Protein backbone atom coordinates (compact mmCIF):
# COMPACT_ATOMS: atom_id res chain seq x y z
CA UNK A 1 -0.17 0.03 -0.21
CA UNK A 2 1.34 3.64 -1.20
CA UNK A 3 -0.93 6.42 0.66
CA UNK A 4 -0.56 10.32 1.44
CA UNK A 5 0.64 10.20 5.03
CA UNK A 6 -2.34 12.77 5.76
CA UNK A 7 -5.11 10.20 4.59
CA UNK A 8 -7.14 9.18 7.70
CA UNK A 9 -6.52 6.08 8.91
CA UNK A 10 -10.29 4.72 8.85
CA UNK A 11 -10.07 5.09 4.87
CA UNK A 12 -7.06 3.12 4.90
CA UNK A 13 -8.55 0.36 6.62
CA UNK A 14 -11.59 0.51 4.71
CA UNK A 15 -9.93 0.26 1.80
CA UNK A 16 -7.88 -2.85 2.99
CA UNK A 17 -11.00 -4.34 4.39
CA UNK A 18 -12.57 -4.56 0.81
CA UNK A 19 -9.72 -6.72 -0.50
CA UNK A 20 -9.31 -8.83 2.48
CA UNK A 21 -6.18 -7.13 3.98
CA UNK A 22 -5.35 -5.26 6.88
CA UNK A 23 -2.81 -3.42 8.70
CA UNK A 24 -1.25 -6.49 10.94
CA UNK A 25 0.18 -4.41 13.51
CA UNK A 26 -3.21 -3.08 14.71
CA UNK A 27 -2.58 0.58 15.38
CA UNK A 28 -4.98 2.02 18.24
CA UNK A 29 -7.15 4.69 18.40
CA UNK A 30 -6.20 7.21 20.95
CA UNK A 31 -9.09 9.52 20.97
CA UNK A 32 -11.31 7.94 23.57
CA UNK A 33 -7.95 7.70 25.82
CA UNK A 34 -6.80 10.88 25.49
CA UNK A 35 -10.35 13.20 25.06
CA UNK A 36 -9.06 13.89 21.58
CA UNK A 37 -11.19 15.13 18.42
CA UNK A 38 -10.43 14.81 14.62
CA UNK A 39 -9.28 11.68 12.46
CA UNK A 40 -6.17 9.63 13.53
CA UNK A 41 -3.95 9.65 10.05
CA UNK A 42 -1.89 6.93 8.86
CA UNK A 43 1.25 9.23 9.04
CA UNK A 44 0.51 10.09 12.26
CA UNK A 45 0.53 6.17 13.50
CA UNK A 46 3.54 5.81 11.21
CA UNK A 47 5.36 9.04 13.24
CA UNK A 48 4.65 7.52 16.61
CA UNK A 49 5.14 3.80 15.63
CA UNK A 50 1.68 2.84 16.61
CA UNK A 51 1.65 -0.97 17.34
CA UNK A 52 -1.45 -2.74 19.28
CA UNK A 53 -1.77 -5.99 20.91
CA UNK A 54 -0.59 -7.95 17.62
CA UNK A 55 3.00 -6.74 18.19
CA UNK A 56 3.97 -9.56 19.73
CA UNK A 57 3.24 -11.56 17.00
CA UNK A 58 4.17 -9.68 13.88
CA UNK A 59 6.05 -6.81 14.60
CA UNK A 60 5.90 -3.00 15.08
CA UNK A 61 4.43 -0.66 12.60
CA UNK A 62 7.94 0.09 11.83
CA UNK A 63 8.54 -3.46 10.96
CA UNK A 64 5.83 -2.80 7.91
CA UNK A 65 7.09 0.36 6.75
CA UNK A 66 8.94 -0.26 3.27
CA UNK A 67 9.47 3.50 2.04
CA UNK A 68 8.59 7.30 3.12
CA UNK A 69 8.86 10.32 1.38
CA UNK A 70 9.22 13.50 3.76
CA UNK A 71 10.32 17.44 4.18
CA UNK A 72 13.17 18.02 6.72
CA UNK A 73 13.55 21.17 8.74
CA UNK A 74 15.58 22.55 6.06
CA UNK A 75 12.80 22.39 3.21
CA UNK A 76 14.48 19.17 1.57
CA UNK A 77 12.12 16.87 0.33
CA UNK A 78 13.93 13.19 0.61
CA UNK A 79 12.78 9.62 -0.01
CA UNK A 80 13.84 6.66 1.34
CA UNK A 81 13.32 2.84 1.05
CA UNK A 82 10.85 1.79 -1.75
CA UNK A 83 7.70 -0.61 -2.37
CA UNK A 84 9.33 -3.80 -1.83
CA UNK A 85 11.30 -5.47 1.18
CA UNK A 86 14.76 -5.22 -0.04
CA UNK A 87 14.77 -1.59 -0.63
CA UNK A 88 17.50 -0.01 1.17
CA UNK A 89 21.02 1.29 0.37
CA UNK A 90 22.42 3.54 2.44
CA UNK A 91 20.94 4.77 5.72
CA UNK A 92 17.90 3.20 7.02
CA UNK A 93 16.00 6.55 6.85
CA UNK A 94 12.88 4.66 6.83
CA UNK A 95 12.98 2.94 10.24
CA UNK A 96 14.52 6.20 11.95
CA UNK A 97 11.46 8.52 10.65
CA UNK A 98 9.10 5.72 12.20
CA UNK A 99 8.59 6.56 15.78
CA UNK A 100 10.49 9.99 15.87
CA UNK A 101 7.34 11.71 16.32
CA UNK A 102 7.75 14.65 13.60
CA UNK A 103 11.19 15.95 15.14
CA UNK A 104 13.32 14.86 11.89
CA UNK A 105 10.63 15.40 9.24
CA UNK A 106 7.13 15.95 7.81
CA UNK A 107 6.03 12.76 6.43
CA UNK A 108 3.96 13.00 2.98
CA UNK A 109 3.92 9.51 1.63
CA UNK A 110 4.10 5.96 3.11
CA UNK A 111 4.43 2.87 1.61
CA UNK A 112 3.53 -0.17 3.53
CA UNK A 113 3.45 -3.95 4.13
CA UNK A 114 -0.01 -5.24 4.54
CA UNK A 115 -1.25 -8.94 5.01
CA UNK A 116 -4.29 -11.16 4.53
CA UNK A 117 -7.16 -10.93 6.95
CA UNK A 118 -7.40 -14.33 9.17
CA UNK A 119 -10.48 -16.48 8.08
CA UNK A 120 -11.09 -16.84 12.17
CA UNK A 121 -9.80 -15.83 15.79
CA UNK A 122 -10.50 -17.21 19.05
CA UNK A 123 -9.64 -15.88 22.44
CA UNK A 124 -8.77 -17.83 25.95
CA UNK A 125 -10.08 -15.87 28.64
CA UNK A 126 -9.54 -16.75 32.17
CA UNK A 127 -10.39 -14.45 35.37
CA UNK A 128 -9.16 -14.41 38.79
CA UNK A 129 -5.31 -14.38 38.23
CA UNK A 130 -2.89 -12.06 40.40
CA UNK A 131 -0.21 -10.41 38.26
CA UNK A 132 2.54 -12.87 38.73
CA UNK A 133 0.55 -16.14 37.78
CA UNK A 134 -1.03 -14.35 34.64
CA UNK A 135 2.56 -13.23 33.20
CA UNK A 136 3.92 -16.64 33.92
CA UNK A 137 0.91 -17.91 31.87
CA UNK A 138 1.02 -15.42 29.04
CA UNK A 139 4.81 -15.91 28.64
CA UNK A 140 4.26 -19.82 28.74
CA UNK A 141 1.55 -19.21 26.07
CA UNK A 142 3.89 -17.14 23.74
CA UNK A 143 6.28 -19.73 24.00
CA UNK A 144 4.34 -22.54 22.54
CA UNK A 145 4.47 -23.50 18.90
CA UNK A 146 0.62 -22.23 18.79
CA UNK A 147 1.33 -18.82 16.97
CA UNK A 148 -0.31 -16.58 19.65
CA UNK A 149 -1.36 -13.29 18.47
CA UNK A 150 -2.40 -11.67 21.46
CA UNK A 151 -1.50 -11.90 25.30
CA UNK A 152 -2.91 -9.37 27.86
CA UNK A 153 -3.54 -9.26 31.55
CA UNK A 154 -5.95 -6.96 32.68
CA UNK A 155 -5.63 -6.12 36.46
CA UNK A 156 -7.92 -5.78 39.09
CA UNK A 157 -10.47 -3.00 39.12
CA UNK A 158 -10.20 -2.30 35.97
CA UNK A 159 -13.37 -3.85 34.04
CA UNK A 160 -14.17 -5.63 37.24
CA UNK A 161 -12.89 -6.74 40.81
CA UNK A 162 -10.98 -9.60 39.51
CA UNK A 163 -7.90 -9.63 36.85
CA UNK A 164 -8.65 -11.40 33.44
CA UNK A 165 -6.21 -12.97 31.35
CA UNK A 166 -6.96 -12.94 27.37
CA UNK A 167 -5.00 -14.93 24.82
CA UNK A 168 -5.57 -14.83 21.28
CA UNK A 169 -4.84 -16.95 18.09
CA UNK A 170 -5.71 -16.30 14.39
CA UNK A 171 -6.04 -18.06 11.28
CA UNK A 172 -7.82 -20.57 9.18
CA UNK A 173 -10.75 -22.27 11.24
CA UNK A 174 -9.49 -25.36 11.57
CA UNK A 175 -6.06 -24.27 12.78
CA UNK A 176 -7.44 -21.95 15.32
CA UNK A 177 -9.90 -24.24 17.12
CA UNK A 178 -7.17 -26.93 17.35
CA UNK A 179 -4.64 -24.29 18.77
CA UNK A 180 -7.25 -22.73 21.15
CA UNK A 181 -8.03 -26.15 22.57
CA UNK A 182 -4.19 -27.07 23.01
CA UNK A 183 -3.78 -23.73 24.56
CA UNK A 184 -6.26 -24.78 27.36
CA UNK A 185 -4.72 -28.08 28.04
CA UNK A 186 -1.51 -26.36 28.21
CA UNK A 187 -2.39 -23.64 30.34
CA UNK A 188 -3.49 -24.28 34.12
CA UNK A 189 -7.44 -22.89 35.12
CA UNK A 190 -10.69 -23.23 33.49
CA UNK A 191 -10.39 -20.63 30.34
CA UNK A 192 -13.45 -20.21 28.35
CA UNK A 193 -13.24 -19.71 24.54
CA UNK A 194 -14.63 -16.49 23.07
CA UNK A 195 -14.72 -16.64 19.26
CA UNK A 196 -15.65 -14.30 16.09
CA UNK A 197 -17.08 -10.86 16.61
CA UNK A 198 -16.89 -11.23 20.49
CA UNK A 199 -13.43 -11.83 20.48
CA UNK A 200 -12.50 -9.02 18.34
CA UNK A 201 -14.65 -6.84 20.25
CA UNK A 202 -12.50 -8.09 23.43
CA UNK A 203 -9.46 -6.69 21.73
CA UNK A 204 -10.41 -3.68 20.52
CA UNK A 205 -10.73 -2.83 23.91
CA UNK A 206 -7.35 -3.71 25.08
CA UNK A 207 -5.93 -2.01 21.51
CA UNK A 208 -7.35 1.29 22.46
CA UNK A 209 -7.03 0.88 26.30
CA UNK A 210 -10.83 1.67 26.52
CA UNK A 211 -11.10 0.93 30.52
CA UNK A 212 -8.72 4.16 31.24
CA UNK A 213 -10.61 6.26 28.70
CA UNK A 214 -12.18 9.52 29.91
CA UNK A 215 -11.11 11.90 32.62
CA UNK A 216 -7.16 13.35 33.43
CA UNK A 217 -5.91 10.58 35.84
CA UNK A 218 -2.09 10.23 35.08
CA UNK A 219 -1.64 7.48 32.73
CA UNK A 220 1.70 6.18 31.96
CA UNK A 221 2.83 3.88 28.76
CA UNK A 222 5.64 1.61 30.42
CA UNK A 223 7.94 -0.77 28.54
CA UNK A 224 9.76 -3.55 30.45
CA UNK A 225 10.94 -6.83 29.91
CA UNK A 226 7.72 -9.17 30.21
CA UNK A 227 8.36 -10.93 33.65
CA UNK A 228 9.47 -7.60 35.16
CA UNK A 229 5.86 -6.52 34.85
CA UNK A 230 4.86 -8.01 38.22
CA UNK A 231 7.73 -6.75 39.74
CA UNK A 232 7.16 -3.02 38.66
CA UNK A 233 3.76 -3.44 39.84
CA UNK A 234 4.82 -4.90 43.10
CA UNK A 235 7.27 -2.19 44.23
CA UNK A 236 4.43 0.58 43.33
CA UNK A 237 2.24 -1.06 45.65
CA UNK A 238 4.94 -1.15 48.25
CA UNK A 239 5.76 2.39 47.78
CA UNK A 240 2.25 3.37 48.31
CA UNK A 241 1.28 4.42 44.88
CA UNK A 242 -2.28 3.13 44.17
CA UNK A 243 -2.51 2.43 40.65
CA UNK A 244 -4.59 0.03 37.97
CA UNK A 245 -2.82 -1.61 35.21
CA UNK A 246 -3.49 -3.44 31.66
CA UNK A 247 -0.35 -5.79 31.09
CA UNK A 248 -0.17 -6.02 27.26
CA UNK A 249 2.44 -7.75 25.08
CA UNK A 250 2.36 -10.74 27.34
CA UNK A 251 3.74 -8.18 30.30
CA UNK A 252 6.55 -6.15 27.87
CA UNK A 253 4.02 -3.15 27.69
CA UNK A 254 2.44 -1.91 30.95
CA UNK A 255 -0.47 0.55 30.72
CA UNK A 256 -0.45 2.19 34.43
CA UNK A 257 -3.03 4.44 35.62
CA UNK A 258 -2.16 6.40 38.92
CA UNK A 259 -4.98 6.61 41.24
CA UNK A 260 -5.19 10.47 42.05
CA UNK A 261 -4.24 13.61 40.46
CA UNK A 262 -0.49 13.12 40.69
CA UNK A 263 1.58 11.10 38.03
CA UNK A 264 4.35 10.46 40.93
CA UNK A 265 7.04 10.56 38.08
CA UNK A 266 10.25 10.45 40.00
CA UNK A 267 9.05 7.43 41.63
CA UNK A 268 7.40 5.43 38.58
CA UNK A 269 10.58 6.36 36.45
CA UNK A 270 13.15 5.49 39.57
CA UNK A 271 11.48 2.09 39.47
CA UNK A 272 11.16 1.50 35.83
CA UNK A 273 14.72 2.90 35.10
CA UNK A 274 15.80 -0.01 37.64
CA UNK A 275 14.27 -2.49 35.71
CA UNK A 276 16.06 -1.40 32.51
CA UNK A 277 12.79 -0.10 30.92
CA UNK A 278 11.04 3.63 30.09
CA UNK A 279 7.92 5.25 30.82
CA UNK A 280 6.19 7.85 28.59
CA UNK A 281 3.62 10.11 30.40
CA UNK A 282 0.79 9.77 28.30
CA UNK A 283 -1.87 11.68 29.88
CA UNK A 284 -1.95 13.74 32.98
CA UNK A 285 -3.33 17.30 34.20
CA UNK A 286 -2.20 20.04 32.29
CA UNK A 287 0.12 21.42 34.96
CA UNK A 288 1.63 18.17 35.59
CA UNK A 289 2.24 17.92 31.71
CA UNK A 290 4.02 21.36 31.50
CA UNK A 291 6.25 20.20 34.65
CA UNK A 292 7.12 16.59 33.85
CA UNK A 293 9.01 15.33 30.35
CA UNK A 294 6.81 13.43 28.39
CA UNK A 295 9.38 10.95 27.30
CA UNK A 296 11.92 8.95 29.91
CA UNK A 297 15.18 10.39 30.12
CA UNK A 298 18.17 9.26 27.97
CA UNK A 299 21.69 8.12 29.16
CA UNK A 300 24.21 11.11 28.13
CA UNK A 301 25.78 8.73 25.11
CA UNK A 302 22.36 8.60 23.59
CA UNK A 303 21.05 11.85 24.27
CA UNK A 304 24.16 13.13 22.33
CA UNK A 305 23.41 11.02 19.36
CA UNK A 306 20.06 12.00 19.19
CA UNK A 307 20.68 15.71 19.44
CA UNK A 308 23.17 15.22 16.78
CA UNK A 309 20.39 13.91 14.49
CA UNK A 310 17.89 16.25 15.34
CA UNK A 311 20.63 19.22 14.47
CA UNK A 312 21.00 17.51 10.98
CA UNK A 313 17.51 16.92 9.80
CA UNK A 314 15.90 20.18 11.88
CA UNK A 315 18.92 22.90 12.02
CA UNK A 316 16.66 25.62 12.96
CA UNK A 317 14.47 23.41 15.58
CA UNK A 318 11.30 24.44 13.79
CA UNK A 319 9.73 20.50 13.92
CA UNK A 320 7.59 19.52 16.57
CA UNK A 321 9.82 21.72 19.14
CA UNK A 322 7.87 20.97 22.12
CA UNK A 323 8.80 17.61 21.87
CA UNK A 324 12.75 18.07 21.56
CA UNK A 325 13.97 15.94 24.24
CA UNK A 326 12.45 12.83 22.40
CA UNK A 327 15.13 10.56 20.20
CA UNK A 328 14.26 8.71 17.28
CA UNK A 329 16.59 6.20 18.84
CA UNK A 330 15.18 5.86 22.05
CA UNK A 331 11.40 5.18 20.60
CA UNK A 332 13.10 2.75 18.50
CA UNK A 333 14.02 0.58 21.36
CA UNK A 334 10.20 -0.08 21.46
C-alpha cells in the first residue's frame, strides 16, 4: 500500500478491508483515551510507531514500513526505501522516521506492507489471577508453537473486581480451533473460549485501552521485560502508589493509571529505570504535563546521538519543538 500520509486511518482500513487485507500491527485509536477530536491519520500512526496487541506476533508499525517521502527542517524533500522488502541502500531513514514523533521530518507519503485478514479468531479468557501468575501463563503461551497473536492481563479494578487474562489465536478456522484447545490443555485454570466478533471486541478494548478512557488521571505507557511487569507493580504497591494496570504484550507493555491527581513521576521512573525499561507520560493534568517530561530521560551517550540527529534533520529547531527531548533512537527501542 502506497498512501499519502494525511489519509485518515479509517479510510486506509476500509480500503484494505474491501481487499481482504489489514494493517497487521493493529494501530490503536487514542481519541477516547486522550479525550481528543479529529481523525487519526496513517502518517501520525507511523510517526509515533503506534503498534497494538498483535505486535508480539508480527512486529511493530516500523517493521511494516517499506518507504517514506518526507520534508526535513530545511525544506528538502527526501525519499528513502521503496515498495518492496529489499529496498534499502545507505542509511535506513525509513526506520529512523518511524517513531520519531515528527521531530526529524514531516511525512508526506508512506509505503506499507499489508497482510491478509485471517479466516477466524478465538480468545482464551480466564479471570481471577494475580499479576505474577497471569504473566507467567502469558509468557508460557507465547513460548508454545501455537502462534499466539495477543496476550494480555487486565488487572483487578479495571473491568471488574478480579484480574482477567486473555490469549488470542488467529488463522484458518480449523487451525484456530485446534490451537485454542491445545492452549487450554497446556495452561492451568478453567479458560473459556470466545470466538468471532465477540473475540474481536475484546481486543479492540485492549488495543484502545478503553477501560482508562476519559478523565485526566495520570496514565503511563511503560515498556519493560515481560517478566518484570509483576515486579514493577509490586514495587509501586509497596511504595504506596495506588494504581490500576493493563499488561499487554505478555507483560512487556504496561498501561499504568495512577489513582489520584499526581503522576508520581520520580518514583515511577526510578523503578522503571531500575528494571531497564522506559516510561512515557501519556496523560496527566495540564500543570503536570508542563512540569514533567513526556519521554523517559536518556543516558548521556544516547542523548548526544539524538541531539546530533535532530540538528542534522532540523537545524533551525522548527519541527515539533515541544518534543525536542524525544529521540528517534529511544523510541526505536520499542
